[in-house]
Amino acid sequence: MLPLLAQLSAQAIPSFIVFVVGGSATLFLINQALTFYKSHMKEQPTPATTYATKDEAKNLHGRIAREREEINRELTRIDAEQKALRNTLDLEIKDLNRRIDAVPGRTIQLLRETKDLI
């Protein structure tokens, strides 16, 4: 390259300097544009690592459907269990009400039987 530079005439030196500075500026601008594209425009991370594939989405939907069925079965079982507990509780409450309603009658009967003891 030095012999080439040495062969330049005095009139060609300013145009050579313009060529070198222009080339440097062009390379600098290209580098800045590529850096901007890499950091801002290009999707980070790549879509292949970010988004699910069609097969993964199908597997996920299948798993969600299975889990939803399991949850629905469990909710049905819990609902039946609650109904049974509610029936048992209603029977116990009715029995307790019957026993409470019987207290005045038993008390009157007990007073009749014990009035002779006084």
PDB file of N, CA and C in Angstrom:
ATOM      1  N   MET A   1       0.821  -1.189   0.000  1.00  0.00           N
ATOM      2  CA  MET A   1       0.000   0.000   0.000  1.00  0.00           C
ATOM      3  C   MET A   1       0.863   1.250   0.000  1.00  0.00           C
ATOM      4  N   LEU A   2       2.027   1.188   0.636  1.00  0.00           N
ATOM      5  CA  LEU A   2       2.897   2.361   0.668  1.00  0.00           C
ATOM      6  C   LEU A   2       3.380   2.777  -0.717  1.00  0.00           C
ATOM      7  N   PRO A   3       3.745   1.850  -1.592  1.00  0.00           N
ATOM      8  CA  PRO A   3       4.138   2.312  -2.917  1.00  0.00           C
ATOM      9  C   PRO A   3       2.989   3.000  -3.627  1.00  0.00           C
ATOM     10  N   LEU A   4       1.753   2.543  -3.374  1.00  0.00           N
ATOM     11  CA  LEU A   4       0.604   3.176  -3.990  1.00  0.00           C
ATOM     12  C   LEU A   4       0.452   4.602  -3.487  1.00  0.00           C
ATOM     13  N   LEU A   5       0.605   4.760  -2.153  1.00  0.00           N
ATOM     14  CA  LEU A   5       0.508   6.105  -1.592  1.00  0.00           C
ATOM     15  C   LEU A   5       1.644   6.987  -2.101  1.00  0.00           C
ATOM     16  N   ALA A   6       2.801   6.411  -2.270  1.00  0.00           N
ATOM     17  CA  ALA A   6       3.947   7.195  -2.754  1.00  0.00           C
ATOM     18  C   ALA A   6       3.761   7.599  -4.201  1.00  0.00           C
ATOM     19  N   GLN A   7       2.980   6.842  -4.945  1.00  0.00           N
ATOM     20  CA  GLN A   7       2.778   7.156  -6.350  1.00  0.00           C
ATOM     21  C   GLN A   7       1.712   8.231  -6.572  1.00  0.00           C
ATOM     22  N   LEU A   8       1.005   8.647  -5.522  1.00  0.00           N
ATOM     23  CA  LEU A   8      -0.033   9.658  -5.677  1.00  0.00           C
ATOM     24  C   LEU A   8       0.584  11.006  -6.008  1.00  0.00           C
ATOM     25  N   SER A   9      -0.067  11.692  -6.888  1.00  0.00           N
ATOM     26  CA  SER A   9       0.409  13.034  -7.230  1.00  0.00           C
ATOM     27  C   SER A   9      -0.160  14.029  -6.229  1.00  0.00           C
ATOM     28  N   ALA A  10       0.323  15.203  -6.216  1.00  0.00           N
ATOM     29  CA  ALA A  10      -0.104  16.219  -5.260  1.00  0.00           C
ATOM     30  C   ALA A  10      -1.566  16.593  -5.495  1.00  0.00           C
ATOM     31  N   GLN A  11      -2.051  16.527  -6.721  1.00  0.00           N
ATOM     32  CA  GLN A  11      -3.442  16.864  -6.989  1.00  0.00           C
ATOM     33  C   GLN A  11      -4.389  15.736  -6.552  1.00  0.00           C
ATOM     34  N   ALA A  12      -3.916  14.499  -6.468  1.00  0.00           N
ATOM     35  CA  ALA A  12      -4.770  13.354  -6.126  1.00  0.00           C
ATOM     36  C   ALA A  12      -4.883  13.139  -4.622  1.00  0.00           C
ATOM     37  N   ILE A  13      -4.010  13.738  -3.824  1.00  0.00           N
ATOM     38  CA  ILE A  13      -4.022  13.510  -2.371  1.00  0.00           C
ATOM     39  C   ILE A  13      -5.335  13.990  -1.745  1.00  0.00           C
ATOM     40  N   PRO A  14      -5.847  15.179  -2.038  1.00  0.00           N
ATOM     41  CA  PRO A  14      -7.112  15.584  -1.405  1.00  0.00           C
ATOM     42  C   PRO A  14      -8.279  14.650  -1.754  1.00  0.00           C
ATOM     43  N   SER A  15      -8.348  14.194  -2.975  1.00  0.00           N
ATOM     44  CA  SER A  15      -9.439  13.282  -3.321  1.00  0.00           C
ATOM     45  C   SER A  15      -9.255  11.924  -2.637  1.00  0.00           C
ATOM     46  N   PHE A  16      -7.999  11.487  -2.445  1.00  0.00           N
ATOM     47  CA  PHE A  16      -7.741  10.238  -1.724  1.00  0.00           C
ATOM     48  C   PHE A  16      -8.154  10.383  -0.259  1.00  0.00           C
ATOM     49  N   ILE A  17      -7.872  11.513   0.348  1.00  0.00           N
ATOM     50  CA  ILE A  17      -8.258  11.757   1.745  1.00  0.00           C
ATOM     51  C   ILE A  17      -9.780  11.772   1.856  1.00  0.00           C
ATOM     52  N   VAL A  18     -10.447  12.390   0.908  1.00  0.00           N
ATOM     53  CA  VAL A  18     -11.912  12.393   0.902  1.00  0.00           C
ATOM     54  C   VAL A  18     -12.435  10.964   0.771  1.00  0.00           C
ATOM     55  N   PHE A  19     -11.801  10.169  -0.092  1.00  0.00           N
ATOM     56  CA  PHE A  19     -12.203   8.767  -0.271  1.00  0.00           C
ATOM     57  C   PHE A  19     -12.026   7.979   1.023  1.00  0.00           C
ATOM     58  N   VAL A  20     -10.906   8.132   1.711  1.00  0.00           N
ATOM     59  CA  VAL A  20     -10.637   7.401   2.956  1.00  0.00           C
ATOM     60  C   VAL A  20     -11.603   7.845   4.054  1.00  0.00           C
ATOM     61  N   VAL A  21     -11.786   9.161   4.196  1.00  0.00           N
ATOM     62  CA  VAL A  21     -12.699   9.665   5.230  1.00  0.00           C
ATOM     63  C   VAL A  21     -14.130   9.235   4.910  1.00  0.00           C
ATOM     64  N   GLY A  22     -14.529   9.321   3.647  1.00  0.00           N
ATOM     65  CA  GLY A  22     -15.870   8.896   3.263  1.00  0.00           C
ATOM     66  C   GLY A  22     -16.086   7.403   3.501  1.00  0.00           C
ATOM     67  N   GLY A  23     -15.085   6.598   3.159  1.00  0.00           N
ATOM     68  CA  GLY A  23     -15.176   5.150   3.403  1.00  0.00           C
ATOM     69  C   GLY A  23     -15.268   4.848   4.884  1.00  0.00           C
ATOM     70  N   SER A  24     -14.471   5.544   5.689  1.00  0.00           N
ATOM     71  CA  SER A  24     -14.511   5.350   7.140  1.00  0.00           C
ATOM     72  C   SER A  24     -15.880   5.744   7.696  1.00  0.00           C
ATOM     73  N   ALA A  25     -16.401   6.867   7.227  1.00  0.00           N
ATOM     74  CA  ALA A  25     -17.721   7.309   7.691  1.00  0.00           C
ATOM     75  C   ALA A  25     -18.801   6.327   7.272  1.00  0.00           C
ATOM     76  N   THR A  26     -18.690   5.788   6.056  1.00  0.00           N
ATOM     77  CA  THR A  26     -19.666   4.809   5.583  1.00  0.00           C
ATOM     78  C   THR A  26     -19.628   3.546   6.435  1.00  0.00           C
ATOM     79  N   LEU A  27     -18.424   3.049   6.712  1.00  0.00           N
ATOM     80  CA  LEU A  27     -18.290   1.860   7.565  1.00  0.00           C
ATOM     81  C   LEU A  27     -18.818   2.126   8.976  1.00  0.00           C
ATOM     82  N   PHE A  28     -18.550   3.317   9.512  1.00  0.00           N
ATOM     83  CA  PHE A  28     -19.048   3.682  10.835  1.00  0.00           C
ATOM     84  C   PHE A  28     -20.574   3.685  10.850  1.00  0.00           C
ATOM     85  N   LEU A  29     -21.197   4.290   9.834  1.00  0.00           N
ATOM     86  CA  LEU A  29     -22.658   4.349   9.778  1.00  0.00           C
ATOM     87  C   LEU A  29     -23.273   2.968   9.603  1.00  0.00           C
ATOM     88  N   ILE A  30     -22.652   2.115   8.789  1.00  0.00           N
ATOM     89  CA  ILE A  30     -23.145   0.741   8.615  1.00  0.00           C
ATOM     90  C   ILE A  30     -23.053  -0.012   9.941  1.00  0.00           C
ATOM     91  N   ASN A  31     -21.941   0.172  10.643  1.00  0.00           N
ATOM     92  CA  ASN A  31     -21.759  -0.480  11.939  1.00  0.00           C
ATOM     93  C   ASN A  31     -22.826   0.003  12.932  1.00  0.00           C
ATOM     94  N   GLN A  32     -23.109   1.295  12.971  1.00  0.00           N
ATOM     95  CA  GLN A  32     -24.117   1.836  13.870  1.00  0.00           C
ATOM     96  C   GLN A  32     -25.509   1.297  13.509  1.00  0.00           C
ATOM     97  N   ALA A  33     -25.802   1.231  12.215  1.00  0.00           N
ATOM     98  CA  ALA A  33     -27.101   0.717  11.780  1.00  0.00           C
ATOM     99  C   ALA A  33     -27.263  -0.756  12.160  1.00  0.00           C
ATOM    100  N   LEU A  34     -26.239  -1.558  11.961  1.00  0.00           N
ATOM    101  CA  LEU A  34     -26.317  -2.978  12.331  1.00  0.00           C
ATOM    102  C   LEU A  34     -26.416  -3.154  13.838  1.00  0.00           C
ATOM    103  N   THR A  35     -25.695  -2.357  14.597  1.00  0.00           N
ATOM    104  CA  THR A  35     -25.782  -2.434  16.057  1.00  0.00           C
ATOM    105  C   THR A  35     -27.187  -2.067  16.520  1.00  0.00           C
ATOM    106  N   PHE A  36     -27.756  -1.013  15.943  1.00  0.00           N
ATOM    107  CA  PHE A  36     -29.116  -0.614  16.293  1.00  0.00           C
ATOM    108  C   PHE A  36     -30.107  -1.721  15.951  1.00  0.00           C
ATOM    109  N   TYR A  37     -29.947  -2.332  14.793  1.00  0.00           N
ATOM    110  CA  TYR A  37     -30.839  -3.421  14.382  1.00  0.00           C
ATOM    111  C   TYR A  37     -30.739  -4.591  15.346  1.00  0.00           C
ATOM    112  N   LYS A  38     -29.495  -4.953  15.702  1.00  0.00           N
ATOM    113  CA  LYS A  38     -29.318  -6.093  16.607  1.00  0.00           C
ATOM    114  C   LYS A  38     -29.926  -5.825  17.978  1.00  0.00           C
ATOM    115  N   SER A  39     -29.758  -4.618  18.485  1.00  0.00           N
ATOM    116  CA  SER A  39     -30.197  -4.351  19.855  1.00  0.00           C
ATOM    117  C   SER A  39     -31.659  -3.931  19.947  1.00  0.00           C
ATOM    118  N   HIS A  40     -32.217  -3.311  18.903  1.00  0.00           N
ATOM    119  CA  HIS A  40     -33.579  -2.784  19.024  1.00  0.00           C
ATOM    120  C   HIS A  40     -34.591  -3.418  18.074  1.00  0.00           C
ATOM    121  N   MET A  41     -34.204  -3.678  16.870  1.00  0.00           N
ATOM    122  CA  MET A  41     -35.165  -4.136  15.883  1.00  0.00           C
ATOM    123  C   MET A  41     -35.323  -5.651  15.872  1.00  0.00           C
ATOM    124  N   LYS A  42     -34.241  -6.359  16.006  1.00  0.00           N
ATOM    125  CA  LYS A  42     -34.286  -7.815  15.964  1.00  0.00           C
ATOM    126  C   LYS A  42     -34.939  -8.313  17.246  1.00  0.00           C
ATOM    127  N   GLU A  43     -35.810  -9.287  17.107  1.00  0.00           N
ATOM    128  CA  GLU A  43     -36.524  -9.808  18.262  1.00  0.00           C
ATOM    129  C   GLU A  43     -35.560 -10.570  19.160  1.00  0.00           C
ATOM    130  N   GLN A  44     -35.531 -10.194  20.422  1.00  0.00           N
ATOM    131  CA  GLN A  44     -34.656 -10.843  21.396  1.00  0.00           C
ATOM    132  C   GLN A  44     -35.523 -11.546  22.414  1.00  0.00           C
ATOM    133  N   PRO A  45     -35.366 -12.713  22.790  1.00  0.00           N
ATOM    134  CA  PRO A  45     -34.655 -13.784  22.096  1.00  0.00           C
ATOM    135  C   PRO A  45     -35.404 -14.189  20.833  1.00  0.00           C
ATOM    136  N   THR A  46     -34.847 -15.126  20.146  1.00  0.00           N
ATOM    137  CA  THR A  46     -35.423 -15.523  18.867  1.00  0.00           C
ATOM    138  C   THR A  46     -36.807 -16.138  19.067  1.00  0.00           C
ATOM    139  N   PRO A  47     -37.673 -16.041  18.091  1.00  0.00           N
ATOM    140  CA  PRO A  47     -39.027 -16.602  18.235  1.00  0.00           C
ATOM    141  C   PRO A  47     -39.026 -18.105  18.504  1.00  0.00           C
ATOM    142  N   ALA A  48     -38.040 -18.814  18.006  1.00  0.00           N
ATOM    143  CA  ALA A  48     -38.002 -20.267  18.215  1.00  0.00           C
ATOM    144  C   ALA A  48     -37.857 -20.612  19.692  1.00  0.00           C
ATOM    145  N   THR A  49     -37.149 -19.784  20.448  1.00  0.00           N
ATOM    146  CA  THR A  49     -36.981 -20.062  21.874  1.00  0.00           C
ATOM    147  C   THR A  49     -38.065 -19.411  22.721  1.00  0.00           C
ATOM    148  N   THR A  50     -38.802 -18.455  22.143  1.00  0.00           N
ATOM    149  CA  THR A  50     -39.815 -17.734  22.909  1.00  0.00           C
ATOM    150  C   THR A  50     -41.188 -18.381  22.801  1.00  0.00           C
ATOM    151  N   TYR A  51     -41.597 -18.693  21.595  1.00  0.00           N
ATOM    152  CA  TYR A  51     -42.955 -19.161  21.359  1.00  0.00           C
ATOM    153  C   TYR A  51     -43.001 -20.684  21.248  1.00  0.00           C
ATOM    154  N   ALA A  52     -44.168 -21.222  21.547  1.00  0.00           N
ATOM    155  CA  ALA A  52     -44.353 -22.664  21.468  1.00  0.00           C
ATOM    156  C   ALA A  52     -44.615 -23.075  20.011  1.00  0.00           C
ATOM    157  N   THR A  53     -44.201 -24.279  19.703  1.00  0.00           N
ATOM    158  CA  THR A  53     -44.489 -24.814  18.377  1.00  0.00           C
ATOM    159  C   THR A  53     -45.925 -25.327  18.358  1.00  0.00           C
ATOM    160  N   LYS A  54     -46.413 -25.697  17.175  1.00  0.00           N
ATOM    161  CA  LYS A  54     -47.785 -26.197  17.066  1.00  0.00           C
ATOM    162  C   LYS A  54     -47.963 -27.482  17.867  1.00  0.00           C
ATOM    163  N   ASP A  55     -46.952 -28.359  17.812  1.00  0.00           N
ATOM    164  CA  ASP A  55     -47.045 -29.617  18.563  1.00  0.00           C
ATOM    165  C   ASP A  55     -47.075 -29.351  20.060  1.00  0.00           C
ATOM    166  N   GLU A  56     -46.240 -28.422  20.520  1.00  0.00           N
ATOM    167  CA  GLU A  56     -46.230 -28.092  21.948  1.00  0.00           C
ATOM    168  C   GLU A  56     -47.572 -27.492  22.371  1.00  0.00           C
ATOM    169  N   ALA A  57     -48.146 -26.653  21.506  1.00  0.00           N
ATOM    170  CA  ALA A  57     -49.452 -26.058  21.815  1.00  0.00           C
ATOM    171  C   ALA A  57     -50.539 -27.131  21.872  1.00  0.00           C
ATOM    172  N   LYS A  58     -50.502 -28.091  20.937  1.00  0.00           N
ATOM    173  CA  LYS A  58     -51.494 -29.181  20.959  1.00  0.00           C
ATOM    174  C   LYS A  58     -51.347 -30.011  22.229  1.00  0.00           C
ATOM    175  N   ASN A  59     -50.097 -30.327  22.597  1.00  0.00           N
ATOM    176  CA  ASN A  59     -49.863 -31.089  23.827  1.00  0.00           C
ATOM    177  C   ASN A  59     -50.358 -30.323  25.038  1.00  0.00           C
ATOM    178  N   LEU A  60     -50.125 -29.027  25.044  1.00  0.00           N
ATOM    179  CA  LEU A  60     -50.570 -28.202  26.158  1.00  0.00           C
ATOM    180  C   LEU A  60     -52.087 -28.184  26.242  1.00  0.00           C
ATOM    181  N   HIS A  61     -52.756 -28.028  25.110  1.00  0.00           N
ATOM    182  CA  HIS A  61     -54.220 -28.022  25.122  1.00  0.00           C
ATOM    183  C   HIS A  61     -54.771 -29.369  25.562  1.00  0.00           C
ATOM    184  N   GLY A  62     -54.121 -30.453  25.156  1.00  0.00           N
ATOM    185  CA  GLY A  62     -54.545 -31.781  25.599  1.00  0.00           C
ATOM    186  C   GLY A  62     -54.389 -31.931  27.104  1.00  0.00           C
ATOM    187  N   ARG A  63     -53.266 -31.444  27.632  1.00  0.00           N
ATOM    188  CA  ARG A  63     -53.034 -31.534  29.074  1.00  0.00           C
ATOM    189  C   ARG A  63     -54.038 -30.678  29.831  1.00  0.00           C
ATOM    190  N   ILE A  64     -54.333 -29.503  29.307  1.00  0.00           N
ATOM    191  CA  ILE A  64     -55.321 -28.641  29.956  1.00  0.00           C
ATOM    192  C   ILE A  64     -56.684 -29.315  29.968  1.00  0.00           C
ATOM    193  N   ALA A  65     -57.061 -29.955  28.867  1.00  0.00           N
ATOM    194  CA  ALA A  65     -58.359 -30.645  28.800  1.00  0.00           C
ATOM    195  C   ALA A  65     -58.419 -31.784  29.811  1.00  0.00           C
ATOM    196  N   ARG A  66     -57.317 -32.566  29.908  1.00  0.00           N
ATOM    197  CA  ARG A  66     -57.292 -33.660  30.893  1.00  0.00           C
ATOM    198  C   ARG A  66     -57.405 -33.128  32.315  1.00  0.00           C
ATOM    199  N   GLU A  67     -56.665 -32.074  32.611  1.00  0.00           N
ATOM    200  CA  GLU A  67     -56.718 -31.512  33.958  1.00  0.00           C
ATOM    201  C   GLU A  67     -58.090 -30.925  34.257  1.00  0.00           C
ATOM    202  N   ARG A  68     -58.725 -30.317  33.247  1.00  0.00           N
ATOM    203  CA  ARG A  68     -60.065 -29.767  33.434  1.00  0.00           C
ATOM    204  C   ARG A  68     -61.054 -30.889  33.729  1.00  0.00           C
ATOM    205  N   GLU A  69     -60.924 -32.025  33.030  1.00  0.00           N
ATOM    206  CA  GLU A  69     -61.805 -33.165  33.295  1.00  0.00           C
ATOM    207  C   GLU A  69     -61.605 -33.683  34.716  1.00  0.00           C
ATOM    208  N   GLU A  70     -60.349 -33.774  35.147  1.00  0.00           N
ATOM    209  CA  GLU A  70     -60.072 -34.233  36.512  1.00  0.00           C
ATOM    210  C   GLU A  70     -60.671 -33.286  37.538  1.00  0.00           C
ATOM    211  N   ILE A  71     -60.540 -31.996  37.296  1.00  0.00           N
ATOM    212  CA  ILE A  71     -61.090 -31.009  38.224  1.00  0.00           C
ATOM    213  C   ILE A  71     -62.612 -31.099  38.246  1.00  0.00           C
ATOM    214  N   ASN A  72     -63.226 -31.260  37.068  1.00  0.00           N
ATOM    215  CA  ASN A  72     -64.695 -31.384  37.024  1.00  0.00           C
ATOM    216  C   ASN A  72     -65.169 -32.631  37.758  1.00  0.00           C
ATOM    217  N   ARG A  73     -64.447 -33.757  37.602  1.00  0.00           N
ATOM    218  CA  ARG A  73     -64.810 -34.977  38.347  1.00  0.00           C
ATOM    219  C   ARG A  73     -64.689 -34.746  39.850  1.00  0.00           C
ATOM    220  N   GLU A  74     -63.621 -34.076  40.254  1.00  0.00           N
ATOM    221  CA  GLU A  74     -63.420 -33.806  41.681  1.00  0.00           C
ATOM    222  C   GLU A  74     -64.509 -32.874  42.211  1.00  0.00           C
ATOM    223  N   LEU A  75     -64.885 -31.872  41.427  1.00  0.00           N
ATOM    224  CA  LEU A  75     -65.957 -30.967  41.852  1.00  0.00           C
ATOM    225  C   LEU A  75     -67.290 -31.704  41.958  1.00  0.00           C
ATOM    226  N   THR A  76     -67.554 -32.626  41.037  1.00  0.00           N
ATOM    227  CA  THR A  76     -68.780 -33.423  41.100  1.00  0.00           C
ATOM    228  C   THR A  76     -68.790 -34.286  42.364  1.00  0.00           C
ATOM    229  N   ARG A  77     -67.629 -34.886  42.669  1.00  0.00           N
ATOM    230  CA  ARG A  77     -67.526 -35.708  43.878  1.00  0.00           C
ATOM    231  C   ARG A  77     -67.735 -34.862  45.134  1.00  0.00           C
ATOM    232  N   ILE A  78     -67.152 -33.687  45.162  1.00  0.00           N
ATOM    233  CA  ILE A  78     -67.300 -32.804  46.319  1.00  0.00           C
ATOM    234  C   ILE A  78     -68.746 -32.351  46.458  1.00  0.00           C
ATOM    235  N   ASP A  79     -69.395 -32.061  45.339  1.00  0.00           N
ATOM    236  CA  ASP A  79     -70.804 -31.645  45.374  1.00  0.00           C
ATOM    237  C   ASP A  79     -71.681 -32.757  45.933  1.00  0.00           C
ATOM    238  N   ALA A  80     -71.445 -33.994  45.496  1.00  0.00           N
ATOM    239  CA  ALA A  80     -72.220 -35.126  46.020  1.00  0.00           C
ATOM    240  C   ALA A  80     -71.956 -35.309  47.516  1.00  0.00           C
ATOM    241  N   GLU A  81     -70.707 -35.132  47.906  1.00  0.00           N
ATOM    242  CA  GLU A  81     -70.350 -35.265  49.323  1.00  0.00           C
ATOM    243  C   GLU A  81     -71.035 -34.177  50.149  1.00  0.00           C
ATOM    244  N   GLN A  82     -71.097 -32.965  49.617  1.00  0.00           N
ATOM    245  CA  GLN A  82     -71.766 -31.873  50.326  1.00  0.00           C
ATOM    246  C   GLN A  82     -73.264 -32.141  50.455  1.00  0.00           C
ATOM    247  N   LYS A  83     -73.870 -32.682  49.400  1.00  0.00           N
ATOM    248  CA  LYS A  83     -75.297 -33.000  49.472  1.00  0.00           C
ATOM    249  C   LYS A  83     -75.555 -34.053  50.545  1.00  0.00           C
ATOM    250  N   ALA A  84     -74.697 -35.066  50.612  1.00  0.00           N
ATOM    251  CA  ALA A  84     -74.864 -36.105  51.634  1.00  0.00           C
ATOM    252  C   ALA A  84     -74.696 -35.513  53.028  1.00  0.00           C
ATOM    253  N   LEU A  85     -73.697 -34.657  53.199  1.00  0.00           N
ATOM    254  CA  LEU A  85     -73.502 -34.013  54.501  1.00  0.00           C
ATOM    255  C   LEU A  85     -74.684 -33.105  54.856  1.00  0.00           C
ATOM    256  N   ARG A  86     -75.218 -32.402  53.847  1.00  0.00           N
ATOM    257  CA  ARG A  86     -76.360 -31.531  54.084  1.00  0.00           C
ATOM    258  C   ARG A  86     -77.571 -32.358  54.521  1.00  0.00           C
ATOM    259  N   ASN A  87     -77.797 -33.519  53.881  1.00  0.00           N
ATOM    260  CA  ASN A  87     -78.916 -34.394  54.276  1.00  0.00           C
ATOM    261  C   ASN A  87     -78.727 -34.909  55.698  1.00  0.00           C
ATOM    262  N   THR A  88     -77.515 -35.327  56.012  1.00  0.00           N
ATOM    263  CA  THR A  88     -77.225 -35.813  57.368  1.00  0.00           C
ATOM    264  C   THR A  88     -77.442 -34.705  58.388  1.00  0.00           C
ATOM    265  N   LEU A  89     -76.967 -33.512  58.058  1.00  0.00           N
ATOM    266  CA  LEU A  89     -77.124 -32.379  58.969  1.00  0.00           C
ATOM    267  C   LEU A  89     -78.603 -32.019  59.138  1.00  0.00           C
ATOM    268  N   ASP A  90     -79.364 -32.051  58.056  1.00  0.00           N
ATOM    269  CA  ASP A  90     -80.801 -31.771  58.153  1.00  0.00           C
ATOM    270  C   ASP A  90     -81.495 -32.787  59.051  1.00  0.00           C
ATOM    271  N   LEU A  91     -81.137 -34.076  58.917  1.00  0.00           N
ATOM    272  CA  LEU A  91     -81.731 -35.106  59.776  1.00  0.00           C
ATOM    273  C   LEU A  91     -81.367 -34.881  61.237  1.00  0.00           C
ATOM    274  N   GLU A  92     -80.119 -34.522  61.486  1.00  0.00           N
ATOM    275  CA  GLU A  92     -79.706 -34.281  62.869  1.00  0.00           C
ATOM    276  C   GLU A  92     -80.420 -33.059  63.449  1.00  0.00           C
ATOM    277  N   ILE A  93     -80.597 -32.024  62.629  1.00  0.00           N
ATOM    278  CA  ILE A  93     -81.292 -30.828  63.104  1.00  0.00           C
ATOM    279  C   ILE A  93     -82.755 -31.154  63.401  1.00  0.00           C
ATOM    280  N   LYS A  94     -83.400 -31.940  62.538  1.00  0.00           N
ATOM    281  CA  LYS A  94     -84.802 -32.321  62.776  1.00  0.00           C
ATOM    282  C   LYS A  94     -84.925 -33.135  64.057  1.00  0.00           C
ATOM    283  N   ASP A  95     -83.974 -34.062  64.278  1.00  0.00           N
ATOM    284  CA  ASP A  95     -83.983 -34.870  65.494  1.00  0.00           C
ATOM    285  C   ASP A  95     -83.792 -33.986  66.726  1.00  0.00           C
ATOM    286  N   LEU A  96     -82.891 -33.038  66.625  1.00  0.00           N
ATOM    287  CA  LEU A  96     -82.644 -32.133  67.746  1.00  0.00           C
ATOM    288  C   LEU A  96     -83.876 -31.275  68.017  1.00  0.00           C
ATOM    289  N   ASN A  97     -84.530 -30.790  66.958  1.00  0.00           N
ATOM    290  CA  ASN A  97     -85.757 -30.000  67.137  1.00  0.00           C
ATOM    291  C   ASN A  97     -86.853 -30.842  67.794  1.00  0.00           C
ATOM    292  N   ARG A  98     -86.955 -32.110  67.363  1.00  0.00           N
ATOM    293  CA  ARG A  98     -87.935 -33.006  67.970  1.00  0.00           C
ATOM    294  C   ARG A  98     -87.655 -33.181  69.457  1.00  0.00           C
ATOM    295  N   ARG A  99     -86.391 -33.346  69.801  1.00  0.00           N
ATOM    296  CA  ARG A  99     -86.038 -33.523  71.215  1.00  0.00           C
ATOM    297  C   ARG A  99     -86.289 -32.249  72.018  1.00  0.00           C
ATOM    298  N   ILE A 100     -86.010 -31.083  71.406  1.00  0.00           N
ATOM    299  CA  ILE A 100     -86.266 -29.814  72.103  1.00  0.00           C
ATOM    300  C   ILE A 100     -87.761 -29.615  72.291  1.00  0.00           C
ATOM    301  N   ASP A 101     -88.548 -29.940  71.260  1.00  0.00           N
ATOM    302  CA  ASP A 101     -89.997 -29.807  71.377  1.00  0.00           C
ATOM    303  C   ASP A 101     -90.559 -30.761  72.425  1.00  0.00           C
ATOM    304  N   ALA A 102     -89.904 -31.861  72.661  1.00  0.00           N
ATOM    305  CA  ALA A 102     -90.393 -32.842  73.642  1.00  0.00           C
ATOM    306  C   ALA A 102     -90.051 -32.439  75.073  1.00  0.00           C
ATOM    307  N   VAL A 103     -89.139 -31.483  75.272  1.00  0.00           N
ATOM    308  CA  VAL A 103     -88.729 -31.094  76.635  1.00  0.00           C
ATOM    309  C   VAL A 103     -89.893 -30.562  77.459  1.00  0.00           C
ATOM    310  N   PRO A 104     -90.731 -29.631  76.971  1.00  0.00           N
ATOM    311  CA  PRO A 104     -91.841 -29.157  77.822  1.00  0.00           C
ATOM    312  C   PRO A 104     -92.808 -30.276  78.216  1.00  0.00           C
ATOM    313  N   GLY A 105     -93.102 -31.167  77.299  1.00  0.00           N
ATOM    314  CA  GLY A 105     -94.001 -32.277  77.628  1.00  0.00           C
ATOM    315  C   GLY A 105     -93.391 -33.188  78.691  1.00  0.00           C
ATOM    316  N   ARG A 106     -92.139 -33.486  78.574  1.00  0.00           N
ATOM    317  CA  ARG A 106     -91.476 -34.333  79.576  1.00  0.00           C
ATOM    318  C   ARG A 106     -91.375 -33.624  80.912  1.00  0.00           C
ATOM    319  N   THR A 107     -91.149 -32.297  80.838  1.00  0.00           N
ATOM    320  CA  THR A 107     -91.056 -31.533  82.090  1.00  0.00           C
ATOM    321  C   THR A 107     -92.393 -31.549  82.808  1.00  0.00           C
ATOM    322  N   ILE A 108     -93.470 -31.345  82.074  1.00  0.00           N
ATOM    323  CA  ILE A 108     -94.805 -31.381  82.684  1.00  0.00           C
ATOM    324  C   ILE A 108     -95.085 -32.762  83.251  1.00  0.00           C
ATOM    325  N   GLN A 109     -94.738 -33.790  82.506  1.00  0.00           N
ATOM    326  CA  GLN A 109     -94.943 -35.165  82.992  1.00  0.00           C
ATOM    327  C   GLN A 109     -94.101 -35.404  84.234  1.00  0.00           C
ATOM    328  N   LEU A 110     -92.872 -34.913  84.272  1.00  0.00           N
ATOM    329  CA  LEU A 110     -91.983 -35.114  85.419  1.00  0.00           C
ATOM    330  C   LEU A 110     -92.540 -34.336  86.643  1.00  0.00           C
ATOM    331  N   LEU A 111     -93.076 -33.149  86.413  1.00  0.00           N
ATOM    332  CA  LEU A 111     -93.661 -32.392  87.525  1.00  0.00           C
ATOM    333  C   LEU A 111     -94.897 -33.084  88.080  1.00  0.00           C
ATOM    334  N   ARG A 112     -95.689 -33.691  87.227  1.00  0.00           N
ATOM    335  CA  ARG A 112     -96.876 -34.402  87.694  1.00  0.00           C
ATOM    336  C   ARG A 112     -96.473 -35.593  88.552  1.00  0.00           C
ATOM    337  N   GLU A 113     -95.408 -36.290  88.103  1.00  0.00           N
ATOM    338  CA  GLU A 113     -94.993 -37.476  88.853  1.00  0.00           C
ATOM    339  C   GLU A 113     -94.304 -37.119  90.152  1.00  0.00           C
ATOM    340  N   THR A 114     -93.642 -35.964  90.198  1.00  0.00           N
ATOM    341  CA  THR A 114     -92.896 -35.620  91.406  1.00  0.00           C
ATOM    342  C   THR A 114     -93.658 -34.704  92.360  1.00  0.00           C
ATOM    343  N   LYS A 115     -94.896 -34.257  92.024  1.00  0.00           N
ATOM    344  CA  LYS A 115     -95.594 -33.342  92.916  1.00  0.00           C
ATOM    345  C   LYS A 115     -95.992 -34.051  94.218  1.00  0.00           C
ATOM    346  N   ASP A 116     -96.147 -35.347  94.183  1.00  0.00           N
ATOM    347  CA  ASP A 116     -96.471 -36.074  95.386  1.00  0.00           C
ATOM    348  C   ASP A 116     -95.280 -36.164  96.335  1.00  0.00           C
ATOM    349  N   LEU A 117     -94.080 -35.991  95.810  1.00  0.00           N
ATOM    350  CA  LEU A 117     -92.889 -36.080  96.651  1.00  0.00           C
ATOM    351  C   LEU A 117     -92.714 -34.824  97.511  1.00  0.00           C
ATOM    352  N   ILE A 118     -93.305 -33.739  97.119  1.00  0.00           N
ATOM    353  CA  ILE A 118     -93.126 -32.485  97.868  1.00  0.00           C
ATOM    354  C   ILE A 118     -93.922 -32.474  99.115  1.00  0.00           C
TER     355      ILE A 118
END
